[in-house]
Each structure stands twice: as C-alpha cells, then as structure tokens.
C-alpha cells in the first residue's frame, strides 16, 4: 500500500513539475518573441543605416584607390 501511494505521489509531482516547466518554456518563448519584435522595429533600421554608411565609405575609398596611379 505504501508503495502504491509513493508511486502515485511521484506521478503527481512529475505532472506538476512538467506543467510548471511548460509554463516557463511558454514564458521564455513570449519574451524571445517580444525581443525579436523590438529588434526588428528599433535596432535593425539603425544597424542598416550604419551598414550603409560603412559601405558608402568603403566604395569611395575603393574608387579613390582604383583611380590612384603611380
């Protein structure tokens, strides 16, 4: 009888533990989704502008270097 009660208690703890971790996994997914949206809206455009600026400088330098003759 004690063994049956212990097995049932173990199953109940495992069930509660699984539900707890599923909830935390869902919360983590929501946080990552919100971070992704914020990245797309705020950080990505700024990084795109920075990348365009670096590309422009590199292109100008390449053109000046190509026109340089000895």
C-alpha atoms as a PDB file:
ATOM      1  CA  UNK A   1       0.000   0.000   0.000  1.00  0.00           C
ATOM      2  CA  UNK A   2       2.823   2.388   0.834  1.00  0.00           C
ATOM      3  CA  UNK A   3       4.484   1.588  -2.493  1.00  0.00           C
ATOM      4  CA  UNK A   4       1.303   2.448  -4.402  1.00  0.00           C
ATOM      5  CA  UNK A   5       0.971   5.759  -2.502  1.00  0.00           C
ATOM      6  CA  UNK A   6       4.624   6.579  -3.208  1.00  0.00           C
ATOM      7  CA  UNK A   7       4.202   5.856  -6.916  1.00  0.00           C
ATOM      8  CA  UNK A   8       1.063   7.997  -7.040  1.00  0.00           C
ATOM      9  CA  UNK A   9       2.814  10.838  -5.193  1.00  0.00           C
ATOM     10  CA  UNK A  10       5.751  10.596  -7.591  1.00  0.00           C
ATOM     11  CA  UNK A  11       3.405  10.779 -10.589  1.00  0.00           C
ATOM     12  CA  UNK A  12       1.613  13.799  -9.110  1.00  0.00           C
ATOM     13  CA  UNK A  13       4.905  15.612  -8.513  1.00  0.00           C
ATOM     14  CA  UNK A  14       6.081  14.785 -12.029  1.00  0.00           C
ATOM     15  CA  UNK A  15       2.800  16.038 -13.501  1.00  0.00           C
ATOM     16  CA  UNK A  16       3.000  19.318 -11.556  1.00  0.00           C
ATOM     17  CA  UNK A  17       6.691  19.709 -12.404  1.00  0.00           C
ATOM     18  CA  UNK A  18       6.017  19.146 -16.116  1.00  0.00           C
ATOM     19  CA  UNK A  19       3.221  21.709 -16.122  1.00  0.00           C
ATOM     20  CA  UNK A  20       5.491  24.200 -14.337  1.00  0.00           C
ATOM     21  CA  UNK A  21       8.270  23.791 -16.896  1.00  0.00           C
ATOM     22  CA  UNK A  22       5.839  24.022 -19.809  1.00  0.00           C
ATOM     23  CA  UNK A  23       4.630  27.321 -18.380  1.00  0.00           C
ATOM     24  CA  UNK A  24       8.182  28.610 -18.032  1.00  0.00           C
ATOM     25  CA  UNK A  25       9.007  27.497 -21.581  1.00  0.00           C
ATOM     26  CA  UNK A  26       5.954  29.397 -22.848  1.00  0.00           C
ATOM     27  CA  UNK A  27       7.011  32.485 -20.919  1.00  0.00           C
ATOM     28  CA  UNK A  28      10.540  32.247 -22.332  1.00  0.00           C
ATOM     29  CA  UNK A  29       9.100  31.939 -25.835  1.00  0.00           C
ATOM     30  CA  UNK A  30       6.966  35.050 -25.309  1.00  0.00           C
ATOM     31  CA  UNK A  31       9.966  37.027 -24.046  1.00  0.00           C
ATOM     32  CA  UNK A  32      12.081  35.967 -27.028  1.00  0.00           C
ATOM     33  CA  UNK A  33       9.259  36.850 -29.430  1.00  0.00           C
ATOM     34  CA  UNK A  34       8.900  40.323 -27.905  1.00  0.00           C
ATOM     35  CA  UNK A  35      12.668  40.845 -28.053  1.00  0.00           C
ATOM     36  CA  UNK A  36      12.648  39.839 -31.721  1.00  0.00           C
ATOM     37  CA  UNK A  37       9.885  42.319 -32.499  1.00  0.00           C
ATOM     38  CA  UNK A  38      11.724  45.108 -30.677  1.00  0.00           C
ATOM     39  CA  UNK A  39      14.909  44.263 -32.582  1.00  0.00           C
ATOM     40  CA  UNK A  40      13.068  44.444 -35.910  1.00  0.00           C
ATOM     41  CA  UNK A  41      11.416  47.752 -35.051  1.00  0.00           C
ATOM     42  CA  UNK A  42      14.244  49.638 -33.347  1.00  0.00           C
ATOM     43  CA  UNK A  43      17.693  48.140 -33.697  1.00  0.00           C
ATOM     44  CA  UNK A  44      17.655  46.690 -37.222  1.00  0.00           C
ATOM     45  CA  UNK A  45      16.968  50.010 -39.019  1.00  0.00           C
ATOM     46  CA  UNK A  46      19.827  51.681 -37.133  1.00  0.00           C
ATOM     47  CA  UNK A  47      22.182  48.837 -37.960  1.00  0.00           C
ATOM     48  CA  UNK A  48      21.078  49.049 -41.602  1.00  0.00           C
ATOM     49  CA  UNK A  49      21.931  52.769 -41.682  1.00  0.00           C
ATOM     50  CA  UNK A  50      25.310  52.066 -40.103  1.00  0.00           C
ATOM     51  CA  UNK A  51      25.988  49.316 -42.623  1.00  0.00           C
ATOM     52  CA  UNK A  52      25.013  51.631 -45.495  1.00  0.00           C
ATOM     53  CA  UNK A  53      27.401  54.290 -44.198  1.00  0.00           C
ATOM     54  CA  UNK A  54      30.285  51.828 -43.962  1.00  0.00           C
ATOM     55  CA  UNK A  55      29.508  50.541 -47.457  1.00  0.00           C
ATOM     56  CA  UNK A  56      29.489  54.093 -48.805  1.00  0.00           C
ATOM     57  CA  UNK A  57      32.881  54.870 -47.212  1.00  0.00           C
ATOM     58  CA  UNK A  58      34.361  51.607 -48.487  1.00  0.00           C
ATOM     59  CA  UNK A  59      33.054  52.280 -52.006  1.00  0.00           C
ATOM     60  CA  UNK A  60      34.503  55.801 -52.025  1.00  0.00           C
ATOM     61  CA  UNK A  61      37.838  54.507 -50.758  1.00  0.00           C
ATOM     62  CA  UNK A  62      37.830  51.766 -53.397  1.00  0.00           C
ATOM     63  CA  UNK A  63      37.102  54.290 -56.162  1.00  0.00           C
ATOM     64  CA  UNK A  64      39.870  56.627 -54.968  1.00  0.00           C
ATOM     65  CA  UNK A  65      42.283  53.722 -54.670  1.00  0.00           C
ATOM     66  CA  UNK A  66      41.388  52.498 -58.161  1.00  0.00           C
ATOM     67  CA  UNK A  67      41.945  55.971 -59.647  1.00  0.00           C
ATOM     68  CA  UNK A  68      45.318  56.312 -57.954  1.00  0.00           C
ATOM     69  CA  UNK A  69      48.131  55.871 -60.460  1.00  0.00           C
ATOM     70  CA  UNK A  70      51.854  55.832 -59.959  1.00  0.00           C
END
